[in-house]
Every structure is written in C-alpha cells, then in structure tokens.
Amino acid sequence: PKAADTFFPAVFPYTVRKFDDESMDFGMYDVQGETVLGRMAMGDDFPPEVPAYLNVYFAVPDCDAAVAKATERGGVLRFGPMDSPFGRFAALSDPQGASFTVIDVTKTEGEMPATSPA
C-alpha cells in the first residue's frame, strides 16, 4: 500500500487520504477533491497464497442488475452484493478468472469513515 500511495500520485494528479481508523489500511485517491479510486491492504481475510493485486471497480447504475447480467454470461459471483458507505457493490470474476467489482455509488448505507491526508 505505501508503494501504491507513492507511485500513483507521482504518475496521476492524485492526492491521497487514508482512513483515520488504523484498523483498516484503506487509501482514497482524489482528483480536485473528488474520490476517483481507493485501495485497501490485503488482510487476514485473504489466503497467504493469493498475491497482491489491483481490483478494478466498475461504476454501474444498478449493482444487482449488473451481477445478474454478468453471471448470466458466465461470470462468477464471489461475494455480495452488499451495502457500504461507498455504495452497493459485489465482487465477481469473468469467465477467464479475472477479478473485478461492480458498484452503484448512488445507493450508500452507513456513515463514511473519517479520513486524513496521507
């Protein structure tokens, strides 16, 4: 995560904020005050044999409809859909096994965690 927090702002016009709650290492990358992506450290929920990777989030108008469409076409639902302060999201993999996430940012639930500049 520290390497990503250094690399991506050096390449793109991002500023980085991190959750104030240190129990989760989550960074948010902003452009002109608007969050455009986030990153999270892989914790104990991930088996040790899983290498670190980037997970792409696709913004969709309806998370559940996107999950249905993806699974009808051979995608595999890995978890979710679930609600969060960031939106309703679900993790999937495509027929070749590549992971991705869909998120409807208009359907949020819960309070946004406090953040500070990284």
N, C-alpha and C. Protein backbone atom coordinates (compact mmCIF):
# COMPACT_ATOMS: atom_id res chain seq x y z
N PRO A 1 0.80 -1.22 0.00
CA PRO A 1 0.00 0.00 0.00
C PRO A 1 0.84 1.28 0.00
N LYS A 2 1.93 1.30 0.77
CA LYS A 2 2.76 2.51 0.80
C LYS A 2 3.37 2.78 -0.57
N ALA A 3 3.77 1.72 -1.26
CA ALA A 3 4.34 1.89 -2.59
C ALA A 3 3.29 2.44 -3.55
N ALA A 4 2.06 1.93 -3.46
CA ALA A 4 0.98 2.44 -4.32
C ALA A 4 0.68 3.90 -3.99
N ASP A 5 0.70 4.23 -2.70
CA ASP A 5 0.42 5.62 -2.28
C ASP A 5 1.50 6.58 -2.75
N THR A 6 2.68 6.08 -3.05
CA THR A 6 3.76 6.91 -3.57
C THR A 6 3.73 6.92 -5.10
N PHE A 7 3.56 5.74 -5.71
CA PHE A 7 3.63 5.61 -7.16
C PHE A 7 2.50 6.33 -7.89
N PHE A 8 1.26 6.01 -7.56
CA PHE A 8 0.14 6.53 -8.35
C PHE A 8 0.03 8.05 -8.31
N PRO A 9 0.22 8.72 -7.17
CA PRO A 9 0.20 10.19 -7.20
C PRO A 9 1.38 10.80 -7.97
N ALA A 10 2.45 10.03 -8.14
CA ALA A 10 3.57 10.52 -8.93
C ALA A 10 3.27 10.43 -10.43
N VAL A 11 2.36 9.53 -10.81
CA VAL A 11 2.01 9.33 -12.21
C VAL A 11 0.76 10.12 -12.59
N PHE A 12 -0.22 10.14 -11.70
CA PHE A 12 -1.51 10.79 -11.95
C PHE A 12 -1.69 11.96 -10.98
N PRO A 13 -2.61 12.87 -11.27
CA PRO A 13 -2.79 14.05 -10.41
C PRO A 13 -3.62 13.75 -9.16
N TYR A 14 -3.24 12.71 -8.40
CA TYR A 14 -3.99 12.29 -7.23
C TYR A 14 -3.43 12.90 -5.95
N THR A 15 -4.33 13.17 -5.02
CA THR A 15 -3.94 13.36 -3.62
C THR A 15 -4.51 12.16 -2.88
N VAL A 16 -3.85 11.75 -1.82
CA VAL A 16 -4.24 10.53 -1.11
C VAL A 16 -4.75 10.88 0.28
N ARG A 17 -5.87 10.26 0.65
CA ARG A 17 -6.38 10.32 2.01
C ARG A 17 -6.47 8.90 2.54
N LYS A 18 -6.31 8.75 3.85
CA LYS A 18 -6.42 7.43 4.49
C LYS A 18 -7.46 7.49 5.58
N PHE A 19 -8.06 6.33 5.86
CA PHE A 19 -9.00 6.24 6.98
C PHE A 19 -8.27 6.61 8.26
N ASP A 20 -8.93 7.38 9.12
CA ASP A 20 -8.37 7.68 10.43
C ASP A 20 -8.33 6.44 11.31
N ASP A 21 -9.27 5.52 11.11
CA ASP A 21 -9.32 4.26 11.85
C ASP A 21 -8.19 3.37 11.34
N GLU A 22 -7.17 3.18 12.16
CA GLU A 22 -5.99 2.44 11.72
C GLU A 22 -6.20 0.93 11.66
N SER A 23 -7.39 0.45 12.05
CA SER A 23 -7.64 -0.99 11.98
C SER A 23 -7.82 -1.46 10.53
N MET A 24 -8.04 -0.51 9.61
CA MET A 24 -8.16 -0.84 8.19
C MET A 24 -7.26 0.09 7.39
N ASP A 25 -6.34 -0.49 6.64
CA ASP A 25 -5.43 0.30 5.80
C ASP A 25 -6.11 0.54 4.46
N PHE A 26 -6.83 1.66 4.37
CA PHE A 26 -7.59 1.98 3.17
C PHE A 26 -7.21 3.38 2.72
N GLY A 27 -6.82 3.51 1.46
CA GLY A 27 -6.47 4.81 0.90
C GLY A 27 -7.47 5.22 -0.16
N MET A 28 -7.76 6.51 -0.20
CA MET A 28 -8.67 7.07 -1.20
C MET A 28 -7.88 8.08 -2.02
N TYR A 29 -7.97 7.96 -3.33
CA TYR A 29 -7.24 8.83 -4.24
C TYR A 29 -8.22 9.84 -4.83
N ASP A 30 -7.90 11.12 -4.68
CA ASP A 30 -8.79 12.20 -5.12
C ASP A 30 -8.15 13.00 -6.25
N VAL A 31 -9.01 13.53 -7.11
CA VAL A 31 -8.63 14.50 -8.13
C VAL A 31 -9.54 15.70 -7.93
N GLN A 32 -8.95 16.84 -7.65
CA GLN A 32 -9.70 18.08 -7.42
C GLN A 32 -10.82 17.87 -6.39
N GLY A 33 -10.49 17.16 -5.31
CA GLY A 33 -11.42 16.97 -4.21
C GLY A 33 -12.45 15.87 -4.40
N GLU A 34 -12.45 15.19 -5.53
CA GLU A 34 -13.40 14.11 -5.80
C GLU A 34 -12.67 12.77 -5.79
N THR A 35 -13.18 11.82 -5.00
CA THR A 35 -12.56 10.49 -4.94
C THR A 35 -12.79 9.76 -6.25
N VAL A 36 -11.69 9.28 -6.84
CA VAL A 36 -11.77 8.57 -8.11
C VAL A 36 -11.39 7.10 -7.99
N LEU A 37 -10.72 6.72 -6.91
CA LEU A 37 -10.41 5.31 -6.67
C LEU A 37 -9.96 5.12 -5.23
N GLY A 38 -9.91 3.88 -4.84
CA GLY A 38 -9.44 3.55 -3.50
C GLY A 38 -8.57 2.31 -3.55
N ARG A 39 -7.83 2.11 -2.47
CA ARG A 39 -7.02 0.89 -2.35
C ARG A 39 -7.08 0.43 -0.90
N MET A 40 -7.02 -0.87 -0.73
CA MET A 40 -7.09 -1.46 0.59
C MET A 40 -6.00 -2.51 0.72
N ALA A 41 -5.33 -2.53 1.85
CA ALA A 41 -4.33 -3.56 2.09
C ALA A 41 -5.03 -4.90 2.23
N MET A 42 -4.41 -5.94 1.71
CA MET A 42 -4.97 -7.28 1.84
C MET A 42 -4.66 -7.78 3.25
N GLY A 43 -5.70 -8.10 3.99
CA GLY A 43 -5.53 -8.54 5.37
C GLY A 43 -5.62 -10.04 5.51
N ASP A 44 -5.95 -10.48 6.71
CA ASP A 44 -6.02 -11.91 7.02
C ASP A 44 -7.19 -12.61 6.33
N ASP A 45 -8.12 -11.83 5.73
CA ASP A 45 -9.23 -12.44 5.00
C ASP A 45 -8.76 -13.11 3.72
N PHE A 46 -7.56 -12.76 3.26
CA PHE A 46 -7.03 -13.32 2.03
C PHE A 46 -6.04 -14.43 2.37
N PRO A 47 -6.17 -15.60 1.72
CA PRO A 47 -5.20 -16.67 1.97
C PRO A 47 -3.79 -16.22 1.59
N PRO A 48 -2.78 -16.72 2.29
CA PRO A 48 -1.40 -16.28 2.03
C PRO A 48 -0.92 -16.56 0.61
N GLU A 49 -1.51 -17.54 -0.08
CA GLU A 49 -1.06 -17.86 -1.43
C GLU A 49 -1.61 -16.88 -2.48
N VAL A 50 -2.54 -16.01 -2.09
CA VAL A 50 -3.09 -15.03 -3.03
C VAL A 50 -2.12 -13.85 -3.12
N PRO A 51 -1.56 -13.60 -4.30
CA PRO A 51 -0.63 -12.47 -4.43
C PRO A 51 -1.39 -11.14 -4.38
N ALA A 52 -0.68 -10.09 -4.03
CA ALA A 52 -1.28 -8.75 -4.05
C ALA A 52 -1.70 -8.43 -5.48
N TYR A 53 -2.81 -7.74 -5.62
CA TYR A 53 -3.30 -7.40 -6.95
C TYR A 53 -4.15 -6.14 -6.89
N LEU A 54 -4.38 -5.55 -8.05
CA LEU A 54 -5.30 -4.42 -8.17
C LEU A 54 -6.66 -4.96 -8.57
N ASN A 55 -7.69 -4.47 -7.94
CA ASN A 55 -9.05 -4.87 -8.28
C ASN A 55 -9.77 -3.66 -8.86
N VAL A 56 -10.28 -3.82 -10.06
CA VAL A 56 -10.98 -2.74 -10.75
C VAL A 56 -12.44 -2.70 -10.31
N TYR A 57 -12.93 -1.50 -10.01
CA TYR A 57 -14.34 -1.28 -9.70
C TYR A 57 -14.98 -0.57 -10.89
N PHE A 58 -16.05 -1.15 -11.42
CA PHE A 58 -16.81 -0.52 -12.49
C PHE A 58 -18.06 0.12 -11.88
N ALA A 59 -18.24 1.42 -12.10
CA ALA A 59 -19.45 2.10 -11.64
C ALA A 59 -20.60 1.68 -12.55
N VAL A 60 -21.70 1.26 -11.93
CA VAL A 60 -22.88 0.80 -12.66
C VAL A 60 -24.12 1.48 -12.09
N PRO A 61 -25.18 1.62 -12.89
CA PRO A 61 -26.39 2.25 -12.37
C PRO A 61 -27.19 1.36 -11.43
N ASP A 62 -26.99 0.03 -11.48
CA ASP A 62 -27.73 -0.91 -10.64
C ASP A 62 -26.84 -2.13 -10.38
N CYS A 63 -26.35 -2.26 -9.17
CA CYS A 63 -25.42 -3.34 -8.82
C CYS A 63 -26.05 -4.71 -9.06
N ASP A 64 -27.25 -4.91 -8.55
CA ASP A 64 -27.89 -6.22 -8.66
C ASP A 64 -28.13 -6.61 -10.12
N ALA A 65 -28.53 -5.65 -10.95
CA ALA A 65 -28.74 -5.93 -12.37
C ALA A 65 -27.42 -6.27 -13.05
N ALA A 66 -26.35 -5.59 -12.68
CA ALA A 66 -25.03 -5.88 -13.26
C ALA A 66 -24.56 -7.27 -12.87
N VAL A 67 -24.80 -7.67 -11.62
CA VAL A 67 -24.44 -9.02 -11.16
C VAL A 67 -25.22 -10.05 -11.96
N ALA A 68 -26.51 -9.83 -12.12
CA ALA A 68 -27.35 -10.77 -12.87
C ALA A 68 -26.85 -10.91 -14.31
N LYS A 69 -26.56 -9.80 -14.94
CA LYS A 69 -26.10 -9.82 -16.33
C LYS A 69 -24.75 -10.53 -16.44
N ALA A 70 -23.83 -10.25 -15.51
CA ALA A 70 -22.51 -10.88 -15.55
C ALA A 70 -22.60 -12.39 -15.33
N THR A 71 -23.40 -12.82 -14.35
CA THR A 71 -23.49 -14.26 -14.07
C THR A 71 -24.23 -15.00 -15.17
N GLU A 72 -25.20 -14.35 -15.82
CA GLU A 72 -25.89 -14.96 -16.96
C GLU A 72 -24.93 -15.21 -18.12
N ARG A 73 -23.86 -14.45 -18.17
CA ARG A 73 -22.90 -14.54 -19.27
C ARG A 73 -21.62 -15.26 -18.87
N GLY A 74 -21.66 -16.02 -17.77
CA GLY A 74 -20.52 -16.84 -17.39
C GLY A 74 -19.65 -16.30 -16.28
N GLY A 75 -19.95 -15.11 -15.78
CA GLY A 75 -19.21 -14.58 -14.64
C GLY A 75 -19.57 -15.33 -13.36
N VAL A 76 -18.72 -15.24 -12.36
CA VAL A 76 -18.94 -15.91 -11.08
C VAL A 76 -19.00 -14.87 -9.97
N LEU A 77 -20.09 -14.90 -9.19
CA LEU A 77 -20.21 -14.00 -8.04
C LEU A 77 -19.32 -14.53 -6.93
N ARG A 78 -18.42 -13.69 -6.41
CA ARG A 78 -17.50 -14.09 -5.34
C ARG A 78 -18.00 -13.66 -3.98
N PHE A 79 -18.55 -12.45 -3.86
CA PHE A 79 -19.27 -12.04 -2.66
C PHE A 79 -20.14 -10.83 -2.97
N GLY A 80 -21.13 -10.66 -2.11
CA GLY A 80 -22.07 -9.56 -2.28
C GLY A 80 -23.28 -10.02 -3.05
N PRO A 81 -24.06 -9.07 -3.51
CA PRO A 81 -23.95 -7.64 -3.29
C PRO A 81 -24.12 -7.27 -1.82
N MET A 82 -23.45 -6.19 -1.46
CA MET A 82 -23.57 -5.67 -0.11
C MET A 82 -23.52 -4.16 -0.13
N ASP A 83 -24.08 -3.56 0.91
CA ASP A 83 -24.15 -2.11 1.01
C ASP A 83 -23.00 -1.59 1.86
N SER A 84 -22.53 -0.39 1.52
CA SER A 84 -21.45 0.25 2.26
C SER A 84 -21.61 1.76 2.15
N PRO A 85 -20.81 2.52 2.92
CA PRO A 85 -20.86 3.97 2.77
C PRO A 85 -20.44 4.44 1.37
N PHE A 86 -19.72 3.60 0.64
CA PHE A 86 -19.25 3.95 -0.70
C PHE A 86 -20.26 3.61 -1.78
N GLY A 87 -21.17 2.68 -1.49
CA GLY A 87 -22.18 2.26 -2.45
C GLY A 87 -22.48 0.78 -2.31
N ARG A 88 -23.42 0.30 -3.10
CA ARG A 88 -23.75 -1.12 -3.13
C ARG A 88 -22.81 -1.78 -4.13
N PHE A 89 -22.11 -2.84 -3.68
CA PHE A 89 -21.10 -3.44 -4.55
C PHE A 89 -21.11 -4.96 -4.45
N ALA A 90 -20.48 -5.58 -5.43
CA ALA A 90 -20.31 -7.03 -5.47
C ALA A 90 -19.01 -7.34 -6.19
N ALA A 91 -18.34 -8.40 -5.74
CA ALA A 91 -17.10 -8.86 -6.37
C ALA A 91 -17.41 -10.07 -7.24
N LEU A 92 -16.85 -10.06 -8.43
CA LEU A 92 -17.09 -11.14 -9.38
C LEU A 92 -15.77 -11.53 -10.04
N SER A 93 -15.83 -12.60 -10.84
CA SER A 93 -14.73 -12.90 -11.75
C SER A 93 -15.34 -13.19 -13.11
N ASP A 94 -14.58 -12.85 -14.15
CA ASP A 94 -15.07 -13.09 -15.51
C ASP A 94 -14.84 -14.55 -15.87
N PRO A 95 -15.32 -15.01 -17.05
CA PRO A 95 -15.15 -16.42 -17.41
C PRO A 95 -13.70 -16.89 -17.47
N GLN A 96 -12.75 -15.95 -17.62
CA GLN A 96 -11.33 -16.32 -17.64
C GLN A 96 -10.71 -16.29 -16.24
N GLY A 97 -11.48 -15.87 -15.24
CA GLY A 97 -10.99 -15.85 -13.86
C GLY A 97 -10.50 -14.52 -13.36
N ALA A 98 -10.51 -13.47 -14.19
CA ALA A 98 -10.05 -12.15 -13.74
C ALA A 98 -11.08 -11.54 -12.79
N SER A 99 -10.60 -11.02 -11.67
CA SER A 99 -11.49 -10.43 -10.67
C SER A 99 -11.84 -8.99 -11.03
N PHE A 100 -13.06 -8.60 -10.68
CA PHE A 100 -13.49 -7.21 -10.81
C PHE A 100 -14.65 -6.99 -9.86
N THR A 101 -14.99 -5.74 -9.65
CA THR A 101 -16.09 -5.39 -8.76
C THR A 101 -16.99 -4.40 -9.47
N VAL A 102 -18.29 -4.50 -9.21
CA VAL A 102 -19.25 -3.51 -9.70
C VAL A 102 -19.79 -2.75 -8.50
N ILE A 103 -20.02 -1.45 -8.68
CA ILE A 103 -20.51 -0.63 -7.58
C ILE A 103 -21.50 0.41 -8.09
N ASP A 104 -22.60 0.54 -7.35
CA ASP A 104 -23.59 1.59 -7.59
C ASP A 104 -23.36 2.63 -6.50
N VAL A 105 -22.71 3.72 -6.86
CA VAL A 105 -22.33 4.73 -5.87
C VAL A 105 -23.51 5.59 -5.43
N THR A 106 -24.68 5.40 -6.05
CA THR A 106 -25.85 6.19 -5.65
C THR A 106 -26.61 5.55 -4.49
N LYS A 107 -26.32 4.29 -4.19
CA LYS A 107 -27.01 3.58 -3.10
C LYS A 107 -26.02 3.32 -1.97
N THR A 108 -25.92 4.26 -1.07
CA THR A 108 -24.98 4.14 0.04
C THR A 108 -25.72 3.81 1.33
N GLU A 109 -25.00 3.19 2.26
CA GLU A 109 -25.56 2.88 3.56
C GLU A 109 -24.46 2.99 4.61
N GLY A 110 -24.76 3.66 5.69
CA GLY A 110 -23.78 3.82 6.76
C GLY A 110 -23.03 5.13 6.63
N GLU A 111 -22.28 5.41 7.66
CA GLU A 111 -21.54 6.67 7.73
C GLU A 111 -20.16 6.52 7.10
N MET A 112 -19.78 7.49 6.30
CA MET A 112 -18.46 7.49 5.67
C MET A 112 -17.39 7.59 6.76
N PRO A 113 -16.38 6.72 6.72
CA PRO A 113 -15.31 6.80 7.71
C PRO A 113 -14.55 8.12 7.62
N ALA A 114 -14.06 8.59 8.76
CA ALA A 114 -13.25 9.81 8.79
C ALA A 114 -11.93 9.54 8.09
N THR A 115 -11.41 10.54 7.36
CA THR A 115 -10.15 10.40 6.65
C THR A 115 -9.26 11.60 6.92
N SER A 116 -7.97 11.41 6.64
CA SER A 116 -6.97 12.47 6.76
C SER A 116 -6.01 12.36 5.60
N PRO A 117 -5.34 13.46 5.22
CA PRO A 117 -4.32 13.36 4.17
C PRO A 117 -3.25 12.34 4.56
N ALA A 118 -2.82 11.56 3.58
CA ALA A 118 -1.80 10.53 3.84
C ALA A 118 -0.43 11.15 3.92
